[in-house]
Protein backbone atom coordinates (compact mmCIF):
# COMPACT_ATOMS: atom_id res chain seq x y z
CA MET A 1 -18.78 -58.65 -41.55
CA ARG A 2 -20.06 -61.25 -39.08
CA PHE A 3 -23.57 -60.80 -37.71
CA TYR A 4 -24.16 -61.41 -33.99
CA PRO A 5 -27.79 -62.13 -33.01
CA ARG A 6 -29.47 -60.03 -30.32
CA LEU A 7 -32.13 -61.29 -27.91
CA VAL A 8 -34.76 -59.13 -29.62
CA LEU A 9 -34.02 -60.63 -33.06
CA PRO A 10 -36.61 -63.47 -33.11
CA GLN A 11 -39.39 -60.96 -32.38
CA LEU A 12 -38.16 -58.61 -35.10
CA GLU A 13 -37.96 -61.42 -37.66
CA LYS A 14 -41.55 -62.44 -36.91
CA GLU A 15 -42.67 -58.85 -37.45
CA LEU A 16 -41.50 -58.98 -41.08
CA LYS A 17 -44.64 -61.01 -41.82
CA THR A 18 -47.04 -58.56 -40.15
CA ARG A 19 -48.85 -55.50 -41.42
CA GLU A 20 -47.85 -53.22 -38.53
CA ILE A 21 -45.03 -50.69 -38.88
CA THR A 22 -41.90 -51.89 -37.06
CA VAL A 23 -39.88 -49.18 -35.27
CA ILE A 24 -36.45 -49.93 -33.80
CA THR A 25 -35.19 -47.25 -31.45
CA GLY A 26 -32.47 -46.70 -28.86
CA MET A 27 -29.24 -44.81 -28.24
CA ARG A 28 -26.62 -44.32 -30.89
CA GLN A 29 -24.22 -47.22 -31.45
CA VAL A 30 -26.42 -49.92 -29.88
CA GLY A 31 -26.74 -51.84 -33.16
CA LYS A 32 -29.99 -50.59 -34.73
CA THR A 33 -28.59 -50.29 -38.25
CA THR A 34 -26.98 -53.73 -38.01
CA LEU A 35 -30.36 -55.21 -37.08
CA LEU A 36 -31.98 -53.30 -39.95
CA ASP A 37 -29.41 -54.68 -42.42
CA HIS A 38 -30.04 -58.22 -41.19
CA LEU A 39 -33.81 -57.89 -41.43
CA PHE A 40 -33.43 -56.48 -44.95
CA SER A 41 -31.40 -59.55 -45.94
CA ARG A 42 -34.17 -61.83 -44.62
CA VAL A 43 -36.76 -60.47 -47.06
CA LYS A 44 -36.72 -62.59 -50.21
CA SER A 45 -38.87 -60.27 -52.32
CA PRO A 46 -36.93 -58.16 -54.87
CA ASN A 47 -39.41 -55.32 -54.23
CA LYS A 48 -37.47 -53.94 -51.29
CA ALA A 49 -35.19 -51.01 -50.52
CA LYS A 50 -33.08 -49.79 -47.62
CA ILE A 51 -32.76 -46.01 -47.47
CA ASP A 52 -30.42 -44.08 -45.15
CA LEU A 53 -32.15 -40.83 -44.22
CA GLU A 54 -28.94 -39.42 -42.78
CA ASN A 55 -28.12 -38.75 -46.44
CA PRO A 56 -29.75 -35.40 -47.38
CA LEU A 57 -30.35 -36.57 -50.95
CA ASN A 58 -32.37 -39.56 -49.72
CA ARG A 59 -34.54 -37.31 -47.54
CA LYS A 60 -35.89 -35.61 -50.67
CA VAL A 61 -37.63 -38.88 -51.58
CA PHE A 62 -40.14 -38.33 -48.76
CA GLU A 63 -40.44 -34.53 -48.89
CA GLU A 64 -43.23 -34.40 -51.49
CA LYS A 65 -46.40 -32.48 -50.63
CA ASN A 66 -48.36 -35.01 -52.68
CA TYR A 67 -47.56 -38.31 -50.95
CA ASP A 68 -48.65 -40.33 -54.00
CA ALA A 69 -45.71 -38.79 -55.87
CA ILE A 70 -43.30 -40.49 -53.45
CA TRP A 71 -43.79 -43.75 -55.39
CA ASN A 72 -42.24 -42.10 -58.43
CA ASN A 73 -39.19 -41.21 -56.32
CA LEU A 74 -39.00 -44.76 -54.94
CA ALA A 75 -38.83 -46.15 -58.47
CA ALA A 76 -35.17 -45.06 -58.49
CA PHE A 77 -34.63 -47.61 -55.69
CA GLY A 78 -36.33 -50.38 -57.69
CA ILE A 79 -39.65 -50.16 -55.83
CA ASN A 80 -43.02 -50.61 -57.55
CA THR A 81 -46.65 -50.80 -56.39
CA LYS A 82 -47.54 -53.98 -58.32
CA THR A 83 -46.49 -56.30 -55.47
CA LYS A 84 -46.03 -55.81 -51.73
CA ALA A 85 -43.12 -53.45 -51.06
CA TYR A 86 -40.70 -53.57 -48.13
CA LEU A 87 -39.18 -50.24 -47.10
CA PHE A 88 -36.37 -50.13 -44.54
CA LEU A 89 -35.70 -46.55 -43.44
CA ASP A 90 -32.67 -45.76 -41.27
CA GLU A 91 -32.44 -42.67 -39.00
CA ILE A 92 -36.01 -41.43 -39.49
CA GLN A 93 -35.51 -38.45 -37.16
CA HIS A 94 -34.00 -36.55 -40.10
CA VAL A 95 -37.40 -36.28 -41.83
CA PRO A 96 -39.86 -34.52 -39.46
CA SER A 97 -42.87 -35.39 -41.67
CA ILE A 98 -42.00 -39.08 -41.87
CA GLY A 99 -44.78 -40.16 -39.51
CA SER A 100 -47.53 -38.75 -41.73
CA VAL A 101 -45.85 -40.11 -44.86
CA VAL A 102 -45.52 -43.62 -43.43
CA LYS A 103 -49.11 -43.59 -42.18
CA TYR A 104 -50.48 -42.54 -45.58
CA LEU A 105 -48.46 -45.05 -47.60
CA SER A 106 -49.20 -47.83 -45.13
CA ASP A 107 -52.94 -47.07 -45.22
CA HIS A 108 -53.24 -46.88 -49.01
CA PHE A 109 -50.70 -49.36 -50.37
CA LYS A 110 -49.31 -52.82 -49.70
CA VAL A 111 -46.09 -51.86 -47.97
CA LYS A 112 -44.24 -53.08 -44.89
CA PHE A 113 -42.16 -50.45 -43.11
CA VAL A 114 -39.20 -51.18 -40.83
CA LEU A 115 -37.79 -47.98 -39.34
CA THR A 116 -34.91 -47.01 -37.04
CA GLY A 117 -34.39 -43.89 -34.97
CA SER A 118 -32.02 -42.79 -32.23
CA SER A 119 -34.34 -41.46 -29.55
CA SER A 120 -37.79 -41.91 -28.08
CA TYR A 121 -37.75 -38.16 -27.38
CA TYR A 122 -38.84 -37.38 -30.93
CA LEU A 123 -40.65 -40.67 -31.56
CA LYS A 124 -43.40 -39.55 -29.18
CA ASN A 125 -44.18 -36.63 -31.47
CA LEU A 126 -43.03 -38.03 -34.81
CA PHE A 127 -46.02 -40.32 -35.26
CA PRO A 128 -49.60 -39.03 -35.19
CA GLU A 129 -51.97 -40.31 -32.53
CA SER A 130 -54.01 -42.00 -35.27
CA MET A 131 -51.12 -44.48 -35.66
CA ALA A 132 -51.76 -45.99 -32.24
CA GLY A 133 -52.12 -49.72 -32.76
CA ARG A 134 -50.53 -49.57 -36.21
CA LYS A 135 -46.93 -49.62 -35.10
CA LEU A 136 -44.80 -51.68 -32.72
CA ILE A 137 -41.77 -50.07 -31.10
CA PHE A 138 -38.76 -52.19 -30.16
CA GLU A 139 -36.18 -50.58 -27.88
CA VAL A 140 -32.57 -51.69 -28.29
CA TYR A 141 -29.98 -51.19 -25.53
CA PRO A 142 -26.30 -51.99 -25.00
CA LEU A 143 -25.63 -55.72 -24.71
CA THR A 144 -26.68 -57.79 -21.75
CA PHE A 145 -23.95 -60.06 -20.43
CA PHE A 146 -25.64 -63.00 -22.17
CA GLU A 147 -25.37 -61.12 -25.48
CA PHE A 148 -21.81 -60.04 -24.58
CA LEU A 149 -20.82 -63.71 -24.34
CA THR A 150 -22.46 -64.38 -27.71
CA PHE A 151 -20.33 -61.61 -29.25
CA LYS A 152 -17.28 -63.22 -27.65
CA GLY A 153 -18.15 -66.60 -29.16
CA VAL A 154 -18.93 -68.22 -25.80
CA ALA A 155 -21.76 -70.75 -26.04
CA GLN A 156 -24.25 -70.78 -23.16
CA GLU A 157 -27.83 -71.53 -22.24
CA LYS A 158 -30.02 -69.07 -20.44
CA PRO A 159 -32.32 -70.46 -17.71
CA ALA A 160 -35.64 -68.65 -17.87
CA SER A 161 -36.27 -68.20 -14.13
CA PHE A 162 -34.32 -66.80 -11.20
CA SER A 163 -34.73 -70.14 -9.43
CA GLY A 164 -33.22 -71.88 -12.45
CA LYS A 165 -30.23 -69.57 -12.39
CA ALA A 166 -29.72 -70.16 -8.66
CA ALA A 167 -29.96 -73.95 -9.07
CA SER A 168 -27.74 -74.27 -12.14
CA LYS A 169 -24.55 -72.77 -10.66
CA ASN A 170 -21.35 -74.44 -11.79
CA ARG A 171 -17.89 -73.57 -10.50
CA ILE A 172 -16.17 -74.55 -13.74
CA PHE A 173 -18.47 -72.34 -15.81
CA TYR A 174 -17.98 -69.51 -13.32
CA ASP A 175 -14.19 -69.72 -13.55
CA LYS A 176 -14.43 -69.59 -17.35
CA ARG A 177 -16.80 -66.62 -17.40
CA ILE A 178 -15.64 -64.35 -14.60
CA SER A 179 -12.84 -62.76 -16.67
CA TYR A 180 -15.47 -61.87 -19.27
CA TYR A 181 -17.69 -60.34 -16.59
CA LEU A 182 -14.81 -58.22 -15.31
CA GLU A 183 -14.30 -56.94 -18.87
CA TYR A 184 -18.04 -56.23 -19.10
CA LEU A 185 -17.85 -54.31 -15.80
CA GLU A 186 -15.06 -52.11 -17.15
CA TYR A 187 -16.06 -51.48 -20.76
CA GLY A 188 -19.78 -52.27 -20.89
CA GLY A 189 -21.93 -53.53 -23.71
CA PHE A 190 -21.88 -51.19 -26.70
CA PRO A 191 -21.34 -53.67 -29.59
CA LYS A 192 -18.48 -51.74 -31.19
CA ILE A 193 -16.66 -51.60 -27.84
CA VAL A 194 -17.17 -55.32 -27.16
CA LEU A 195 -15.68 -56.27 -30.53
CA GLU A 196 -12.68 -53.95 -30.17
CA GLU A 197 -9.62 -55.67 -28.69
CA SER A 198 -7.45 -52.69 -27.69
CA PRO A 199 -8.23 -51.29 -24.20
CA GLU A 200 -7.04 -47.85 -25.31
CA ARG A 201 -9.35 -47.87 -28.32
CA LYS A 202 -12.25 -49.14 -26.20
CA LYS A 203 -11.91 -46.05 -23.97
CA ALA A 204 -11.51 -43.73 -26.95
CA LEU A 205 -14.57 -45.17 -28.67
CA LEU A 206 -16.66 -44.87 -25.49
CA SER A 207 -15.68 -41.19 -25.27
CA GLU A 208 -16.66 -40.78 -28.91
CA ILE A 209 -20.09 -42.33 -28.28
CA PHE A 210 -20.71 -39.78 -25.53
CA THR A 211 -19.44 -36.92 -27.71
CA SER A 212 -21.75 -38.02 -30.52
CA TYR A 213 -24.70 -38.22 -28.13
CA TYR A 214 -24.00 -34.76 -26.71
CA GLU A 215 -23.20 -33.02 -29.99
CA ARG A 216 -25.94 -34.62 -32.06
CA ASP A 217 -28.81 -35.73 -29.81
CA VAL A 218 -28.53 -33.14 -27.04
CA LYS A 219 -27.83 -30.13 -29.25
CA SER A 220 -30.28 -31.08 -32.00
CA LEU A 221 -33.17 -32.48 -29.94
CA ALA A 222 -33.01 -30.57 -26.65
CA ASP A 223 -34.95 -27.32 -26.35
CA PHE A 224 -32.72 -25.88 -23.62
CA LYS A 225 -31.11 -22.45 -23.64
CA ASP A 226 -27.94 -23.69 -21.95
CA THR A 227 -26.95 -27.27 -22.77
CA SER A 228 -23.76 -26.88 -20.70
CA LYS A 229 -25.93 -27.20 -17.58
CA LEU A 230 -27.25 -30.50 -18.90
CA ARG A 231 -23.66 -31.64 -19.44
CA ASP A 232 -22.82 -30.63 -15.87
CA LEU A 233 -25.83 -32.59 -14.60
CA ILE A 234 -24.61 -35.71 -16.40
CA LEU A 235 -21.25 -35.40 -14.64
CA LEU A 236 -23.04 -34.97 -11.29
CA LEU A 237 -25.11 -38.08 -11.93
CA VAL A 238 -22.17 -40.44 -12.57
CA PRO A 239 -21.12 -40.81 -8.90
CA ARG A 240 -24.80 -41.23 -7.99
CA VAL A 241 -25.32 -44.42 -10.03
CA GLY A 242 -27.42 -46.90 -8.03
CA SER A 243 -28.45 -44.14 -5.62
CA ARG A 244 -31.65 -42.25 -5.06
CA ILE A 245 -32.02 -38.97 -6.92
CA GLU A 246 -32.20 -35.85 -4.73
CA VAL A 247 -33.46 -33.13 -7.04
CA ALA A 248 -33.07 -30.35 -4.46
CA LYS A 249 -29.33 -31.05 -4.10
CA LEU A 250 -28.84 -31.29 -7.86
CA SER A 251 -30.73 -28.01 -8.29
CA ALA A 252 -28.50 -26.26 -5.75
CA SER A 253 -25.30 -27.67 -7.26
CA LEU A 254 -26.23 -26.57 -10.77
CA GLY A 255 -27.76 -23.23 -9.82
CA VAL A 256 -30.99 -23.97 -11.70
CA SER A 257 -34.58 -24.52 -10.60
CA ARG A 258 -35.96 -27.92 -9.60
CA GLU A 259 -38.29 -27.73 -12.59
CA THR A 260 -35.24 -27.39 -14.87
CA VAL A 261 -33.59 -30.42 -13.26
CA TYR A 262 -36.77 -32.43 -13.79
CA SER A 263 -36.86 -31.41 -17.45
CA TYR A 264 -33.18 -32.40 -17.86
CA LEU A 265 -33.82 -35.80 -16.26
CA SER A 266 -36.85 -36.35 -18.49
CA PHE A 267 -34.78 -35.58 -21.59
CA LEU A 268 -31.98 -37.93 -20.51
CA GLN A 269 -34.55 -40.68 -19.95
CA LYS A 270 -36.27 -40.19 -23.28
CA THR A 271 -32.97 -40.27 -25.13
CA TYR A 272 -32.03 -43.52 -23.35
CA PHE A 273 -29.04 -42.02 -21.53
CA ILE A 274 -30.40 -42.73 -18.04
CA SER A 275 -33.02 -44.97 -16.47
CA LEU A 276 -34.91 -44.22 -13.26
CA VAL A 277 -36.24 -47.03 -11.06
CA SER A 278 -39.24 -46.24 -8.86
CA LYS A 279 -39.73 -47.22 -5.23
CA PHE A 280 -41.78 -50.34 -4.58
CA SER A 281 -45.22 -49.76 -3.11
CA GLY A 282 -48.57 -51.49 -3.03
CA SER A 283 -49.92 -48.44 -4.84
CA ILE A 284 -48.97 -47.92 -8.50
CA ASP A 285 -49.57 -44.18 -8.13
CA ARG A 286 -47.14 -43.98 -5.22
CA GLN A 287 -44.53 -45.96 -7.15
CA ALA A 288 -44.70 -43.47 -10.00
CA ALA A 289 -44.57 -40.39 -7.77
CA GLY A 290 -41.94 -41.40 -5.22
CA THR A 291 -38.17 -41.29 -4.98
CA GLN A 292 -36.26 -42.91 -7.85
CA LYS A 293 -32.90 -44.65 -8.21
CA LEU A 294 -30.60 -43.72 -11.05
CA PHE A 295 -28.80 -45.88 -13.61
CA LEU A 296 -26.92 -44.88 -16.75
CA CYS A 297 -27.23 -46.46 -20.17
CA ASP A 298 -24.08 -48.56 -19.79
CA VAL A 299 -21.47 -49.45 -17.19
CA GLY A 300 -18.67 -48.61 -19.63
CA MET A 301 -20.13 -45.12 -20.02
CA VAL A 302 -20.09 -44.72 -16.22
CA ASN A 303 -16.38 -45.54 -16.19
CA VAL A 304 -15.46 -43.20 -19.01
CA LEU A 305 -17.37 -40.21 -17.62
CA GLY A 306 -16.32 -40.31 -13.98
CA LYS A 307 -15.76 -42.44 -10.92
CA ALA A 308 -18.10 -44.85 -9.20
CA SER A 309 -17.43 -47.43 -6.49
CA GLU A 310 -17.04 -51.15 -7.18
CA GLY A 311 -20.47 -51.75 -5.66
CA GLN A 312 -22.09 -49.06 -7.82
CA LEU A 313 -20.56 -50.42 -11.01
CA PHE A 314 -21.67 -53.91 -10.13
CA GLU A 315 -25.25 -52.80 -9.43
CA GLN A 316 -25.27 -50.87 -12.73
CA SER A 317 -24.21 -54.01 -14.59
CA VAL A 318 -26.90 -56.09 -12.86
CA PHE A 319 -29.53 -53.49 -13.80
CA GLN A 320 -28.47 -53.74 -17.47
CA ASN A 321 -29.02 -57.50 -17.33
CA LEU A 322 -32.45 -57.34 -15.67
CA HIS A 323 -34.39 -54.36 -16.98
CA LEU A 324 -35.24 -55.78 -20.40
CA ASP A 325 -37.09 -58.81 -19.05
CA HIS A 326 -38.43 -57.58 -15.72
CA ALA A 327 -40.38 -54.69 -14.23
CA LEU A 328 -37.95 -53.37 -11.62
CA HIS A 329 -38.50 -51.39 -8.43
CA PHE A 330 -36.45 -50.91 -5.28
CA TYR A 331 -37.53 -50.82 -1.64
CA ALA A 332 -36.27 -48.60 1.13
CA LYS A 333 -37.47 -47.43 4.54
CA GLU A 334 -35.91 -44.77 6.72
CA SER A 335 -35.40 -47.27 9.54
CA ALA A 336 -34.36 -50.28 7.46
CA SER A 337 -31.93 -51.37 4.80
CA GLU A 338 -33.14 -51.23 1.24
CA ILE A 339 -33.74 -54.06 -1.21
CA ASP A 340 -31.78 -53.23 -4.35
CA PHE A 341 -34.35 -54.60 -6.81
CA ILE A 342 -37.82 -56.08 -6.64
CA ALA A 343 -38.53 -57.87 -9.93
CA ASP A 344 -42.09 -58.12 -11.24
CA GLY A 345 -43.50 -57.19 -7.83
CA THR A 346 -42.72 -60.62 -6.36
CA ILE A 347 -38.97 -61.34 -6.25
CA ALA A 348 -36.41 -59.60 -4.01
CA LEU A 349 -32.88 -59.23 -5.39
CA GLU A 350 -29.95 -57.93 -3.37
CA VAL A 351 -26.70 -57.08 -5.20
CA LYS A 352 -23.41 -57.93 -3.44
CA THR A 353 -19.86 -58.22 -4.74
CA SER A 354 -19.46 -61.04 -2.19
CA VAL A 355 -22.19 -62.69 -0.16
CA SER A 356 -22.47 -63.88 3.44
CA LYS A 357 -25.07 -65.98 5.24
CA ARG A 358 -26.09 -62.83 7.08
CA ASP A 359 -26.86 -61.10 3.76
CA ILE A 360 -29.11 -64.00 2.76
CA ASP A 361 -30.95 -64.07 6.10
CA HIS A 362 -31.50 -60.29 6.16
CA LEU A 363 -32.93 -60.35 2.65
CA LYS A 364 -35.27 -63.21 3.56
CA ARG A 365 -36.63 -61.28 6.55
CA ARG A 366 -37.21 -58.10 4.55
CA SER A 367 -38.85 -60.11 1.76
CA ARG A 368 -41.25 -61.85 4.14
CA GLY A 369 -42.29 -58.48 5.55
CA LEU A 370 -43.27 -57.38 2.03
CA HIS A 371 -44.96 -60.72 1.21
CA LEU A 372 -42.56 -61.38 -1.68
CA THR A 373 -42.51 -64.94 -2.98
CA GLU A 374 -38.77 -65.36 -3.67
CA SER A 375 -35.48 -63.75 -2.67
CA TYR A 376 -31.95 -64.09 -4.04
CA VAL A 377 -28.61 -62.39 -3.59
CA ILE A 378 -26.81 -61.66 -6.86
CA SER A 379 -23.08 -62.06 -6.28
CA LYS A 380 -19.99 -61.20 -8.29
CA GLU A 381 -17.92 -63.75 -6.38
CA TYR A 382 -18.71 -67.46 -6.40
CA SER A 383 -21.08 -68.88 -3.78
CA GLY A 384 -22.69 -72.29 -3.68
CA ASP A 385 -25.65 -71.19 -1.53
CA LYS A 386 -28.99 -72.06 -3.10
CA GLU A 387 -30.26 -68.49 -2.49
CA VAL A 388 -27.44 -66.98 -4.54
CA ILE A 389 -27.41 -66.17 -8.27
CA LEU A 390 -24.04 -65.51 -9.87
CA ALA A 391 -23.79 -62.36 -11.94
CA ALA A 392 -21.85 -64.35 -14.52
CA ASP A 393 -25.00 -66.47 -15.00
CA LEU A 394 -27.31 -63.51 -15.68
């Protein structure tokens, strides 16, 4: 099976040479196991093993009360303590004690651990506090559009800066890429979906990803009496993509307390199903405490779960392409139009399916008022204006 590189791959490959424990986490079906398999293949030492902890028999390897005895169990996988060992463990959430085991073995033996797990919800509690500084966590998400093109076999270069993207527009490249972006807008960036050719199967597989998330992550990780209310909240959130969360309205619609809604939202965040973007402010405390805008894990998931407008879907797709590399906030005032995204506290980004000169001028004025250094409109349709970045170039 062909391997498609992800943007995080160079960092992960470098980590193979370090002492720290490498943890790869994210939603189901984002490609964690594929990355693990690739990293395993990069290790030249024969003293290595990849163990799938979804298999109950494999879990027994790490369920010894005497952690030193685990080495005897690992001998069945060809592992010894004479030379540095490399252990690649997939789906670590199935062994609750794994954090203590990994810490002990890492502290007392020459061993490099590379681990995968499906949710940050349990990762917070899986590893003891004493492991702070001994592990590096890498979060993997559905594909960006740049990665999507890589999976489609389309060669491209990625300018590092927003100004570079605005300056490097090319109508020929746009015409070649826009059909791909429209596909990305409809079906999103889960690797399995991107590689599937049949539209019907794409939709069926997206539904299956949600079912797997709900049946396995929600029901096994959530400590809620009634998970059907969480399901109902998810369906209420879909038409609110790109909008500010109003907890009081959600509470009334669901017939649960505001505290319960907050706990649901926290769970959905920690299991990578939603992301919340804070309001821009000069005060970090105010940014954390204020109103937040909602985005789902993937634009394809938005489409399969409900209905959202063209503008909402487009903003969701732009968010997916920006949030890995930039700290994002939004800006809004009661008496003024909002700025869709402020990247890294300095760059204003407005998201428009098509752009006018008026859009550019309005954004410039709002940006100057906030003392932002740059401003660009991100457009789905082609525009040659120097203040415009094409979504197909993200």
